Amino acid sequence: IRWNSKSTKGLYESHFIKVNLPEEKVAFWWKFTILQ
């Protein structure tokens, strides 16, 4: 994580995950985000 509460102002940061299940024809997406 690049974000730092003491030194970083005006920042967004996201970690995201994508998974596909082709046989079921479904997909999932997650995102953990920091908005400073």
PDB file of all heavy atoms in Angstrom:
ATOM      1  N   ILE A   1       0.836  -1.191   0.000  1.00  0.00           N
ATOM      2  CA  ILE A   1       0.000   0.000   0.000  1.00  0.00           C
ATOM      3  C   ILE A   1       0.877   1.250   0.000  1.00  0.00           C
ATOM      4  O   ILE A   1       1.789   1.394   0.815  1.00  0.00           O
ATOM      5  CB  ILE A   1      -0.939  -0.020   1.214  1.00  0.00           C
ATOM      6  CG1 ILE A   1      -1.973  -1.144   1.029  1.00  0.00           C
ATOM      7  CG2 ILE A   1      -1.630   1.324   1.402  1.00  0.00           C
ATOM      8  CD1 ILE A   1      -2.906  -1.335   2.188  1.00  0.00           C
ATOM      9  N   ARG A   2       0.613   2.140  -0.936  1.00  0.00           N
ATOM     10  CA  ARG A   2       1.369   3.399  -1.053  1.00  0.00           C
ATOM     11  C   ARG A   2       0.850   4.477  -0.112  1.00  0.00           C
ATOM     12  O   ARG A   2       1.566   5.408   0.222  1.00  0.00           O
ATOM     13  CB  ARG A   2       1.289   3.909  -2.489  1.00  0.00           C
ATOM     14  CG  ARG A   2       2.408   3.445  -3.424  1.00  0.00           C
ATOM     15  CD  ARG A   2       2.531   1.987  -3.568  1.00  0.00           C
ATOM     16  NE  ARG A   2       3.548   1.630  -4.564  1.00  0.00           N
ATOM     17  CZ  ARG A   2       3.865   0.405  -4.913  1.00  0.00           C
ATOM     18  NH1 ARG A   2       3.239  -0.615  -4.326  1.00  0.00           N
ATOM     19  NH2 ARG A   2       4.805   0.166  -5.798  1.00  0.00           N
ATOM     20  N   TRP A   3      -0.406   4.387   0.270  1.00  0.00           N
ATOM     21  CA  TRP A   3      -1.015   5.393   1.128  1.00  0.00           C
ATOM     22  C   TRP A   3      -0.332   5.443   2.483  1.00  0.00           C
ATOM     23  O   TRP A   3       0.052   4.414   3.042  1.00  0.00           O
ATOM     24  CB  TRP A   3      -2.494   5.076   1.315  1.00  0.00           C
ATOM     25  CG  TRP A   3      -3.174   5.928   2.335  1.00  0.00           C
ATOM     26  CD1 TRP A   3      -3.683   7.177   2.150  1.00  0.00           C
ATOM     27  CD2 TRP A   3      -3.421   5.591   3.708  1.00  0.00           C
ATOM     28  NE1 TRP A   3      -4.236   7.641   3.323  1.00  0.00           N
ATOM     29  CE2 TRP A   3      -4.086   6.690   4.293  1.00  0.00           C
ATOM     30  CE3 TRP A   3      -3.131   4.474   4.495  1.00  0.00           C
ATOM     31  CZ2 TRP A   3      -4.478   6.689   5.623  1.00  0.00           C
ATOM     32  CZ3 TRP A   3      -3.520   4.471   5.823  1.00  0.00           C
ATOM     33  CH2 TRP A   3      -4.191   5.569   6.372  1.00  0.00           C
ATOM     34  N   ASN A   4      -0.181   6.662   2.997  1.00  0.00           N
ATOM     35  CA  ASN A   4       0.370   6.870   4.325  1.00  0.00           C
ATOM     36  C   ASN A   4      -0.398   8.016   4.965  1.00  0.00           C
ATOM     37  O   ASN A   4      -0.469   9.110   4.411  1.00  0.00           O
ATOM     38  CB  ASN A   4       1.867   7.197   4.242  1.00  0.00           C
ATOM     39  CG  ASN A   4       2.511   7.335   5.604  1.00  0.00           C
ATOM     40  OD1 ASN A   4       2.053   8.097   6.446  1.00  0.00           O
ATOM     41  ND2 ASN A   4       3.593   6.606   5.812  1.00  0.00           N
ATOM     42  N   SER A   5      -0.974   7.779   6.122  1.00  0.00           N
ATOM     43  CA  SER A   5      -1.852   8.776   6.741  1.00  0.00           C
ATOM     44  C   SER A   5      -1.124  10.068   7.087  1.00  0.00           C
ATOM     45  O   SER A   5      -1.742  11.132   7.181  1.00  0.00           O
ATOM     46  CB  SER A   5      -2.487   8.197   8.006  1.00  0.00           C
ATOM     47  OG  SER A   5      -1.485   7.851   8.956  1.00  0.00           O
ATOM     48  N   LYS A   6       0.199  10.010   7.280  1.00  0.00           N
ATOM     49  CA  LYS A   6       0.939  11.191   7.708  1.00  0.00           C
ATOM     50  C   LYS A   6       1.471  12.023   6.561  1.00  0.00           C
ATOM     51  O   LYS A   6       1.675  13.228   6.706  1.00  0.00           O
ATOM     52  CB  LYS A   6       2.097  10.767   8.609  1.00  0.00           C
ATOM     53  CG  LYS A   6       1.656  10.104   9.911  1.00  0.00           C
ATOM     54  CD  LYS A   6       2.856   9.707  10.755  1.00  0.00           C
ATOM     55  CE  LYS A   6       2.417   9.056  12.058  1.00  0.00           C
ATOM     56  NZ  LYS A   6       3.574   8.635  12.899  1.00  0.00           N
ATOM     57  N   SER A   7       1.710  11.383   5.414  1.00  0.00           N
ATOM     58  CA  SER A   7       2.413  12.109   4.356  1.00  0.00           C
ATOM     59  C   SER A   7       1.675  12.167   3.028  1.00  0.00           C
ATOM     60  O   SER A   7       2.079  12.893   2.131  1.00  0.00           O
ATOM     61  CB  SER A   7       3.794  11.470   4.121  1.00  0.00           C
ATOM     62  OG  SER A   7       3.651  10.115   3.712  1.00  0.00           O
ATOM     63  N   THR A   8       0.621  11.402   2.866  1.00  0.00           N
ATOM     64  CA  THR A   8      -0.030  11.312   1.570  1.00  0.00           C
ATOM     65  C   THR A   8      -1.368  12.012   1.595  1.00  0.00           C
ATOM     66  O   THR A   8      -2.273  11.596   2.314  1.00  0.00           O
ATOM     67  CB  THR A   8      -0.234   9.833   1.169  1.00  0.00           C
ATOM     68  OG1 THR A   8       1.000   9.144   1.297  1.00  0.00           O
ATOM     69  CG2 THR A   8      -0.711   9.731  -0.260  1.00  0.00           C
ATOM     70  N   LYS A   9      -1.510  13.090   0.824  1.00  0.00           N
ATOM     71  CA  LYS A   9      -2.762  13.819   0.714  1.00  0.00           C
ATOM     72  C   LYS A   9      -3.182  13.876  -0.748  1.00  0.00           C
ATOM     73  O   LYS A   9      -2.349  14.030  -1.637  1.00  0.00           O
ATOM     74  CB  LYS A   9      -2.616  15.231   1.275  1.00  0.00           C
ATOM     75  CG  LYS A   9      -2.210  15.279   2.745  1.00  0.00           C
ATOM     76  CD  LYS A   9      -3.260  14.645   3.649  1.00  0.00           C
ATOM     77  CE  LYS A   9      -2.845  14.731   5.107  1.00  0.00           C
ATOM     78  NZ  LYS A   9      -3.844  14.056   5.994  1.00  0.00           N
ATOM     79  N   GLY A  10      -4.472  13.775  -0.980  1.00  0.00           N
ATOM     80  CA  GLY A  10      -4.970  13.806  -2.341  1.00  0.00           C
ATOM     81  C   GLY A  10      -4.568  12.562  -3.108  1.00  0.00           C
ATOM     82  O   GLY A  10      -3.862  12.644  -4.101  1.00  0.00           O
ATOM     83  N   LEU A  11      -5.029  11.384  -2.646  1.00  0.00           N
ATOM     84  CA  LEU A  11      -4.616  10.113  -3.243  1.00  0.00           C
ATOM     85  C   LEU A  11      -5.795   9.154  -3.270  1.00  0.00           C
ATOM     86  O   LEU A  11      -6.625   9.145  -2.361  1.00  0.00           O
ATOM     87  CB  LEU A  11      -3.483   9.481  -2.428  1.00  0.00           C
ATOM     88  CG  LEU A  11      -2.983   8.114  -2.909  1.00  0.00           C
ATOM     89  CD1 LEU A  11      -1.955   8.293  -4.013  1.00  0.00           C
ATOM     90  CD2 LEU A  11      -2.377   7.307  -1.759  1.00  0.00           C
ATOM     91  N   TYR A  12      -5.873   8.353  -4.329  1.00  0.00           N
ATOM     92  CA  TYR A  12      -6.740   7.185  -4.315  1.00  0.00           C
ATOM     93  C   TYR A  12      -5.857   5.957  -4.488  1.00  0.00           C
ATOM     94  O   TYR A  12      -4.784   6.015  -5.097  1.00  0.00           O
ATOM     95  CB  TYR A  12      -7.783   7.237  -5.440  1.00  0.00           C
ATOM     96  CG  TYR A  12      -7.182   7.002  -6.810  1.00  0.00           C
ATOM     97  CD1 TYR A  12      -7.054   5.722  -7.333  1.00  0.00           C
ATOM     98  CD2 TYR A  12      -6.715   8.067  -7.579  1.00  0.00           C
ATOM     99  CE1 TYR A  12      -6.481   5.503  -8.579  1.00  0.00           C
ATOM    100  CE2 TYR A  12      -6.141   7.867  -8.816  1.00  0.00           C
ATOM    101  CZ  TYR A  12      -6.026   6.579  -9.315  1.00  0.00           C
ATOM    102  OH  TYR A  12      -5.449   6.363 -10.536  1.00  0.00           O
ATOM    103  N   GLU A  13      -6.285   4.831  -3.969  1.00  0.00           N
ATOM    104  CA  GLU A  13      -5.539   3.586  -4.129  1.00  0.00           C
ATOM    105  C   GLU A  13      -6.513   2.421  -4.072  1.00  0.00           C
ATOM    106  O   GLU A  13      -7.374   2.370  -3.184  1.00  0.00           O
ATOM    107  CB  GLU A  13      -4.464   3.425  -3.059  1.00  0.00           C
ATOM    108  CG  GLU A  13      -3.633   2.164  -3.233  1.00  0.00           C
ATOM    109  CD  GLU A  13      -2.369   2.152  -2.392  1.00  0.00           C
ATOM    110  OE1 GLU A  13      -2.233   3.021  -1.516  1.00  0.00           O
ATOM    111  OE2 GLU A  13      -1.515   1.270  -2.623  1.00  0.00           O
ATOM    112  N   SER A  14      -6.390   1.504  -5.022  1.00  0.00           N
ATOM    113  CA  SER A  14      -7.307   0.369  -5.091  1.00  0.00           C
ATOM    114  C   SER A  14      -6.550  -0.927  -5.351  1.00  0.00           C
ATOM    115  O   SER A  14      -5.619  -0.967  -6.165  1.00  0.00           O
ATOM    116  CB  SER A  14      -8.342   0.562  -6.204  1.00  0.00           C
ATOM    117  OG  SER A  14      -9.172   1.664  -5.941  1.00  0.00           O
ATOM    118  N   HIS A  15      -6.955  -1.972  -4.649  1.00  0.00           N
ATOM    119  CA  HIS A  15      -6.578  -3.350  -4.954  1.00  0.00           C
ATOM    120  C   HIS A  15      -7.862  -4.060  -5.379  1.00  0.00           C
ATOM    121  O   HIS A  15      -8.872  -3.979  -4.675  1.00  0.00           O
ATOM    122  CB  HIS A  15      -5.989  -4.052  -3.733  1.00  0.00           C
ATOM    123  CG  HIS A  15      -4.669  -3.517  -3.304  1.00  0.00           C
ATOM    124  ND1 HIS A  15      -4.539  -2.339  -2.592  1.00  0.00           N
ATOM    125  CD2 HIS A  15      -3.399  -3.998  -3.478  1.00  0.00           C
ATOM    126  CE1 HIS A  15      -3.259  -2.117  -2.353  1.00  0.00           C
ATOM    127  NE2 HIS A  15      -2.553  -3.097  -2.875  1.00  0.00           N
ATOM    128  N   PHE A  16      -7.836  -4.726  -6.521  1.00  0.00           N
ATOM    129  CA  PHE A  16      -9.059  -5.343  -7.007  1.00  0.00           C
ATOM    130  C   PHE A  16      -8.812  -6.771  -7.476  1.00  0.00           C
ATOM    131  O   PHE A  16      -7.686  -7.157  -7.815  1.00  0.00           O
ATOM    132  CB  PHE A  16      -9.704  -4.503  -8.111  1.00  0.00           C
ATOM    133  CG  PHE A  16      -8.830  -4.280  -9.321  1.00  0.00           C
ATOM    134  CD1 PHE A  16      -8.923  -5.096 -10.430  1.00  0.00           C
ATOM    135  CD2 PHE A  16      -7.915  -3.232  -9.353  1.00  0.00           C
ATOM    136  CE1 PHE A  16      -8.125  -4.895 -11.548  1.00  0.00           C
ATOM    137  CE2 PHE A  16      -7.115  -3.010 -10.464  1.00  0.00           C
ATOM    138  CZ  PHE A  16      -7.216  -3.849 -11.561  1.00  0.00           C
ATOM    139  N   ILE A  17      -9.871  -7.550  -7.478  1.00  0.00           N
ATOM    140  CA  ILE A  17      -9.823  -8.975  -7.811  1.00  0.00           C
ATOM    141  C   ILE A  17     -10.943  -9.268  -8.801  1.00  0.00           C
ATOM    142  O   ILE A  17     -12.066  -8.787  -8.638  1.00  0.00           O
ATOM    143  CB  ILE A  17     -10.035  -9.849  -6.551  1.00  0.00           C
ATOM    144  CG1 ILE A  17      -9.038  -9.490  -5.459  1.00  0.00           C
ATOM    145  CG2 ILE A  17      -9.949 -11.330  -6.898  1.00  0.00           C
ATOM    146  CD1 ILE A  17      -9.469  -9.946  -4.076  1.00  0.00           C
ATOM    147  N   LYS A  18     -10.637 -10.065  -9.823  1.00  0.00           N
ATOM    148  CA  LYS A  18     -11.651 -10.506 -10.790  1.00  0.00           C
ATOM    149  C   LYS A  18     -11.550 -12.014 -10.947  1.00  0.00           C
ATOM    150  O   LYS A  18     -10.457 -12.559 -11.115  1.00  0.00           O
ATOM    151  CB  LYS A  18     -11.444  -9.847 -12.153  1.00  0.00           C
ATOM    152  CG  LYS A  18     -12.417 -10.318 -13.233  1.00  0.00           C
ATOM    153  CD  LYS A  18     -12.022  -9.795 -14.602  1.00  0.00           C
ATOM    154  CE  LYS A  18     -10.813 -10.520 -15.167  1.00  0.00           C
ATOM    155  NZ  LYS A  18     -11.173 -11.669 -16.038  1.00  0.00           N
ATOM    156  N   VAL A  19     -12.689 -12.698 -10.888  1.00  0.00           N
ATOM    157  CA  VAL A  19     -12.744 -14.148 -11.078  1.00  0.00           C
ATOM    158  C   VAL A  19     -13.909 -14.475 -12.001  1.00  0.00           C
ATOM    159  O   VAL A  19     -15.014 -13.952 -11.816  1.00  0.00           O
ATOM    160  CB  VAL A  19     -12.931 -14.895  -9.742  1.00  0.00           C
ATOM    161  CG1 VAL A  19     -12.867 -16.405  -9.972  1.00  0.00           C
ATOM    162  CG2 VAL A  19     -11.882 -14.486  -8.723  1.00  0.00           C
ATOM    163  N   ASN A  20     -13.658 -15.347 -12.983  1.00  0.00           N
ATOM    164  CA  ASN A  20     -14.695 -15.806 -13.901  1.00  0.00           C
ATOM    165  C   ASN A  20     -14.971 -17.293 -13.696  1.00  0.00           C
ATOM    166  O   ASN A  20     -14.038 -18.074 -13.491  1.00  0.00           O
ATOM    167  CB  ASN A  20     -14.268 -15.598 -15.348  1.00  0.00           C
ATOM    168  CG  ASN A  20     -14.156 -14.146 -15.721  1.00  0.00           C
ATOM    169  OD1 ASN A  20     -13.136 -13.509 -15.459  1.00  0.00           O
ATOM    170  ND2 ASN A  20     -15.200 -13.600 -16.323  1.00  0.00           N
ATOM    171  N   LEU A  21     -16.241 -17.668 -13.788  1.00  0.00           N
ATOM    172  CA  LEU A  21     -16.659 -19.069 -13.806  1.00  0.00           C
ATOM    173  C   LEU A  21     -17.367 -19.306 -15.136  1.00  0.00           C
ATOM    174  O   LEU A  21     -18.584 -19.113 -15.254  1.00  0.00           O
ATOM    175  CB  LEU A  21     -17.600 -19.391 -12.638  1.00  0.00           C
ATOM    176  CG  LEU A  21     -16.975 -19.646 -11.266  1.00  0.00           C
ATOM    177  CD1 LEU A  21     -16.313 -18.403 -10.716  1.00  0.00           C
ATOM    178  CD2 LEU A  21     -18.017 -20.175 -10.295  1.00  0.00           C
ATOM    179  N   PRO A  22     -16.623 -19.680 -16.190  1.00  0.00           N
ATOM    180  CA  PRO A  22     -17.218 -19.764 -17.533  1.00  0.00           C
ATOM    181  C   PRO A  22     -18.368 -20.765 -17.642  1.00  0.00           C
ATOM    182  O   PRO A  22     -19.352 -20.502 -18.346  1.00  0.00           O
ATOM    183  CB  PRO A  22     -16.037 -20.188 -18.415  1.00  0.00           C
ATOM    184  CG  PRO A  22     -14.825 -19.789 -17.660  1.00  0.00           C
ATOM    185  CD  PRO A  22     -15.178 -19.949 -16.218  1.00  0.00           C
ATOM    186  N   GLU A  23     -18.269 -21.910 -16.969  1.00  0.00           N
ATOM    187  CA  GLU A  23     -19.338 -22.903 -17.098  1.00  0.00           C
ATOM    188  C   GLU A  23     -20.644 -22.391 -16.502  1.00  0.00           C
ATOM    189  O   GLU A  23     -21.728 -22.630 -17.053  1.00  0.00           O
ATOM    190  CB  GLU A  23     -18.912 -24.213 -16.432  1.00  0.00           C
ATOM    191  CG  GLU A  23     -17.768 -24.907 -17.160  1.00  0.00           C
ATOM    192  CD  GLU A  23     -17.433 -26.248 -16.545  1.00  0.00           C
ATOM    193  OE1 GLU A  23     -18.112 -26.644 -15.574  1.00  0.00           O
ATOM    194  OE2 GLU A  23     -16.501 -26.906 -17.041  1.00  0.00           O
ATOM    195  N   GLU A  24     -20.560 -21.691 -15.380  1.00  0.00           N
ATOM    196  CA  GLU A  24     -21.759 -21.112 -14.774  1.00  0.00           C
ATOM    197  C   GLU A  24     -22.148 -19.785 -15.411  1.00  0.00           C
ATOM    198  O   GLU A  24     -23.221 -19.257 -15.156  1.00  0.00           O
ATOM    199  CB  GLU A  24     -21.544 -20.902 -13.266  1.00  0.00           C
ATOM    200  CG  GLU A  24     -21.440 -22.175 -12.466  1.00  0.00           C
ATOM    201  CD  GLU A  24     -20.005 -22.706 -12.403  1.00  0.00           C
ATOM    202  OE1 GLU A  24     -19.163 -22.246 -13.212  1.00  0.00           O
ATOM    203  OE2 GLU A  24     -19.739 -23.559 -11.552  1.00  0.00           O
ATOM    204  N   LYS A  25     -21.229 -19.220 -16.231  1.00  0.00           N
ATOM    205  CA  LYS A  25     -21.442 -17.934 -16.895  1.00  0.00           C
ATOM    206  C   LYS A  25     -21.707 -16.818 -15.886  1.00  0.00           C
ATOM    207  O   LYS A  25     -22.612 -15.998 -16.048  1.00  0.00           O
ATOM    208  CB  LYS A  25     -22.565 -18.032 -17.927  1.00  0.00           C
ATOM    209  CG  LYS A  25     -22.233 -18.983 -19.068  1.00  0.00           C
ATOM    210  CD  LYS A  25     -23.280 -18.981 -20.146  1.00  0.00           C
ATOM    211  CE  LYS A  25     -22.866 -19.920 -21.274  1.00  0.00           C
ATOM    212  NZ  LYS A  25     -23.882 -19.948 -22.368  1.00  0.00           N
ATOM    213  N   VAL A  26     -20.872 -16.827 -14.830  1.00  0.00           N
ATOM    214  CA  VAL A  26     -20.941 -15.773 -13.828  1.00  0.00           C
ATOM    215  C   VAL A  26     -19.535 -15.253 -13.568  1.00  0.00           C
ATOM    216  O   VAL A  26     -18.541 -15.893 -13.944  1.00  0.00           O
ATOM    217  CB  VAL A  26     -21.586 -16.260 -12.507  1.00  0.00           C
ATOM    218  CG1 VAL A  26     -23.003 -16.765 -12.754  1.00  0.00           C
ATOM    219  CG2 VAL A  26     -20.731 -17.329 -11.849  1.00  0.00           C
ATOM    220  N   ALA A  27     -19.453 -14.097 -12.939  1.00  0.00           N
ATOM    221  CA  ALA A  27     -18.158 -13.504 -12.606  1.00  0.00           C
ATOM    222  C   ALA A  27     -18.295 -12.689 -11.330  1.00  0.00           C
ATOM    223  O   ALA A  27     -19.389 -12.242 -10.969  1.00  0.00           O
ATOM    224  CB  ALA A  27     -17.650 -12.629 -13.748  1.00  0.00           C
ATOM    225  N   PHE A  28     -17.144 -12.491 -10.664  1.00  0.00           N
ATOM    226  CA  PHE A  28     -17.091 -11.739  -9.419  1.00  0.00           C
ATOM    227  C   PHE A  28     -16.002 -10.680  -9.517  1.00  0.00           C
ATOM    228  O   PHE A  28     -14.990 -10.878 -10.181  1.00  0.00           O
ATOM    229  CB  PHE A  28     -16.767 -12.662  -8.234  1.00  0.00           C
ATOM    230  CG  PHE A  28     -17.676 -13.840  -8.108  1.00  0.00           C
ATOM    231  CD1 PHE A  28     -17.336 -15.050  -8.691  1.00  0.00           C
ATOM    232  CD2 PHE A  28     -18.875 -13.745  -7.415  1.00  0.00           C
ATOM    233  CE1 PHE A  28     -18.168 -16.148  -8.584  1.00  0.00           C
ATOM    234  CE2 PHE A  28     -19.714 -14.835  -7.300  1.00  0.00           C
ATOM    235  CZ  PHE A  28     -19.361 -16.046  -7.880  1.00  0.00           C
ATOM    236  N   TRP A  29     -16.228  -9.578  -8.817  1.00  0.00           N
ATOM    237  CA  TRP A  29     -15.248  -8.489  -8.787  1.00  0.00           C
ATOM    238  C   TRP A  29     -15.292  -7.843  -7.409  1.00  0.00           C
ATOM    239  O   TRP A  29     -16.361  -7.532  -6.895  1.00  0.00           O
ATOM    240  CB  TRP A  29     -15.587  -7.476  -9.870  1.00  0.00           C
ATOM    241  CG  TRP A  29     -14.618  -6.350 -10.049  1.00  0.00           C
ATOM    242  CD1 TRP A  29     -13.422  -6.379 -10.709  1.00  0.00           C
ATOM    243  CD2 TRP A  29     -14.777  -5.004  -9.592  1.00  0.00           C
ATOM    244  NE1 TRP A  29     -12.842  -5.135 -10.682  1.00  0.00           N
ATOM    245  CE2 TRP A  29     -13.643  -4.281  -9.998  1.00  0.00           C
ATOM    246  CE3 TRP A  29     -15.780  -4.348  -8.867  1.00  0.00           C
ATOM    247  CZ2 TRP A  29     -13.478  -2.935  -9.714  1.00  0.00           C
ATOM    248  CZ3 TRP A  29     -15.614  -2.999  -8.586  1.00  0.00           C
ATOM    249  CH2 TRP A  29     -14.471  -2.310  -9.011  1.00  0.00           C
ATOM    250  N   TRP A  30     -14.109  -7.686  -6.825  1.00  0.00           N
ATOM    251  CA  TRP A  30     -13.977  -7.027  -5.525  1.00  0.00           C
ATOM    252  C   TRP A  30     -12.994  -5.868  -5.637  1.00  0.00           C
ATOM    253  O   TRP A  30     -12.065  -5.911  -6.446  1.00  0.00           O
ATOM    254  CB  TRP A  30     -13.426  -7.982  -4.469  1.00  0.00           C
ATOM    255  CG  TRP A  30     -14.328  -9.110  -4.075  1.00  0.00           C
ATOM    256  CD1 TRP A  30     -15.234  -9.135  -3.055  1.00  0.00           C
ATOM    257  CD2 TRP A  30     -14.379 -10.418  -4.667  1.00  0.00           C
ATOM    258  NE1 TRP A  30     -15.842 -10.366  -2.980  1.00  0.00           N
ATOM    259  CE2 TRP A  30     -15.344 -11.171  -3.955  1.00  0.00           C
ATOM    260  CE3 TRP A  30     -13.709 -11.023  -5.743  1.00  0.00           C
ATOM    261  CZ2 TRP A  30     -15.654 -12.484  -4.268  1.00  0.00           C
ATOM    262  CZ3 TRP A  30     -14.027 -12.331  -6.064  1.00  0.00           C
ATOM    263  CH2 TRP A  30     -14.981 -13.041  -5.337  1.00  0.00           C
ATOM    264  N   LYS A  31     -13.166  -4.872  -4.772  1.00  0.00           N
ATOM    265  CA  LYS A  31     -12.213  -3.770  -4.725  1.00  0.00           C
ATOM    266  C   LYS A  31     -12.091  -3.253  -3.298  1.00  0.00           C
ATOM    267  O   LYS A  31     -13.102  -2.983  -2.642  1.00  0.00           O
ATOM    268  CB  LYS A  31     -12.648  -2.635  -5.655  1.00  0.00           C
ATOM    269  CG  LYS A  31     -11.655  -1.476  -5.708  1.00  0.00           C
ATOM    270  CD  LYS A  31     -11.997  -0.467  -6.790  1.00  0.00           C
ATOM    271  CE  LYS A  31     -13.183   0.380  -6.411  1.00  0.00           C
ATOM    272  NZ  LYS A  31     -13.298   1.595  -7.289  1.00  0.00           N
ATOM    273  N   PHE A  32     -10.853  -3.142  -2.823  1.00  0.00           N
ATOM    274  CA  PHE A  32     -10.531  -2.493  -1.550  1.00  0.00           C
ATOM    275  C   PHE A  32      -9.893  -1.155  -1.895  1.00  0.00           C
ATOM    276  O   PHE A  32      -8.846  -1.111  -2.547  1.00  0.00           O
ATOM    277  CB  PHE A  32      -9.549  -3.337  -0.739  1.00  0.00           C
ATOM    278  CG  PHE A  32     -10.163  -4.537  -0.060  1.00  0.00           C
ATOM    279  CD1 PHE A  32     -10.702  -5.579  -0.787  1.00  0.00           C
ATOM    280  CD2 PHE A  32     -10.192  -4.613   1.334  1.00  0.00           C
ATOM    281  CE1 PHE A  32     -11.257  -6.682  -0.164  1.00  0.00           C
ATOM    282  CE2 PHE A  32     -10.746  -5.705   1.978  1.00  0.00           C
ATOM    283  CZ  PHE A  32     -11.287  -6.757   1.223  1.00  0.00           C
ATOM    284  N   THR A  33     -10.512  -0.062  -1.468  1.00  0.00           N
ATOM    285  CA  THR A  33     -10.109   1.271  -1.915  1.00  0.00           C
ATOM    286  C   THR A  33      -9.836   2.203  -0.734  1.00  0.00           C
ATOM    287  O   THR A  33     -10.540   2.165   0.277  1.00  0.00           O
ATOM    288  CB  THR A  33     -11.202   1.887  -2.813  1.00  0.00           C
ATOM    289  OG1 THR A  33     -11.285   1.148  -4.021  1.00  0.00           O
ATOM    290  CG2 THR A  33     -10.912   3.329  -3.146  1.00  0.00           C
ATOM    291  N   ILE A  34      -8.814   3.045  -0.908  1.00  0.00           N
ATOM    292  CA  ILE A  34      -8.530   4.138   0.021  1.00  0.00           C
ATOM    293  C   ILE A  34      -8.714   5.453  -0.732  1.00  0.00           C
ATOM    294  O   ILE A  34      -8.163   5.631  -1.818  1.00  0.00           O
ATOM    295  CB  ILE A  34      -7.091   4.061   0.565  1.00  0.00           C
ATOM    296  CG1 ILE A  34      -6.830   2.714   1.240  1.00  0.00           C
ATOM    297  CG2 ILE A  34      -6.822   5.208   1.544  1.00  0.00           C
ATOM    298  CD1 ILE A  34      -5.375   2.489   1.601  1.00  0.00           C
ATOM    299  N   LEU A  35      -9.499   6.365  -0.160  1.00  0.00           N
ATOM    300  CA  LEU A  35      -9.688   7.690  -0.721  1.00  0.00           C
ATOM    301  C   LEU A  35      -9.213   8.711   0.308  1.00  0.00           C
ATOM    302  O   LEU A  35      -9.823   8.868   1.362  1.00  0.00           O
ATOM    303  CB  LEU A  35     -11.163   7.917  -1.058  1.00  0.00           C
ATOM    304  CG  LEU A  35     -11.782   6.940  -2.072  1.00  0.00           C
ATOM    305  CD1 LEU A  35     -13.283   7.148  -2.156  1.00  0.00           C
ATOM    306  CD2 LEU A  35     -11.136   7.109  -3.431  1.00  0.00           C
ATOM    307  N   GLN A  36      -8.091   9.371   0.010  1.00  0.00           N
ATOM    308  CA  GLN A  36      -7.499  10.338   0.930  1.00  0.00           C
ATOM    309  C   GLN A  36      -7.669  11.735   0.365  1.00  0.00           C
ATOM    310  O   GLN A  36      -6.995  12.117  -0.603  1.00  0.00           O
ATOM    311  CB  GLN A  36      -6.019  10.037   1.136  1.00  0.00           C
ATOM    312  CG  GLN A  36      -5.271  11.064   1.976  1.00  0.00           C
ATOM    313  CD  GLN A  36      -5.773  11.111   3.413  1.00  0.00           C
ATOM    314  OE1 GLN A  36      -5.605  10.144   4.145  1.00  0.00           O
ATOM    315  NE2 GLN A  36      -6.367  12.223   3.807  1.00  0.00           N
TER     316      GLN A  36
END
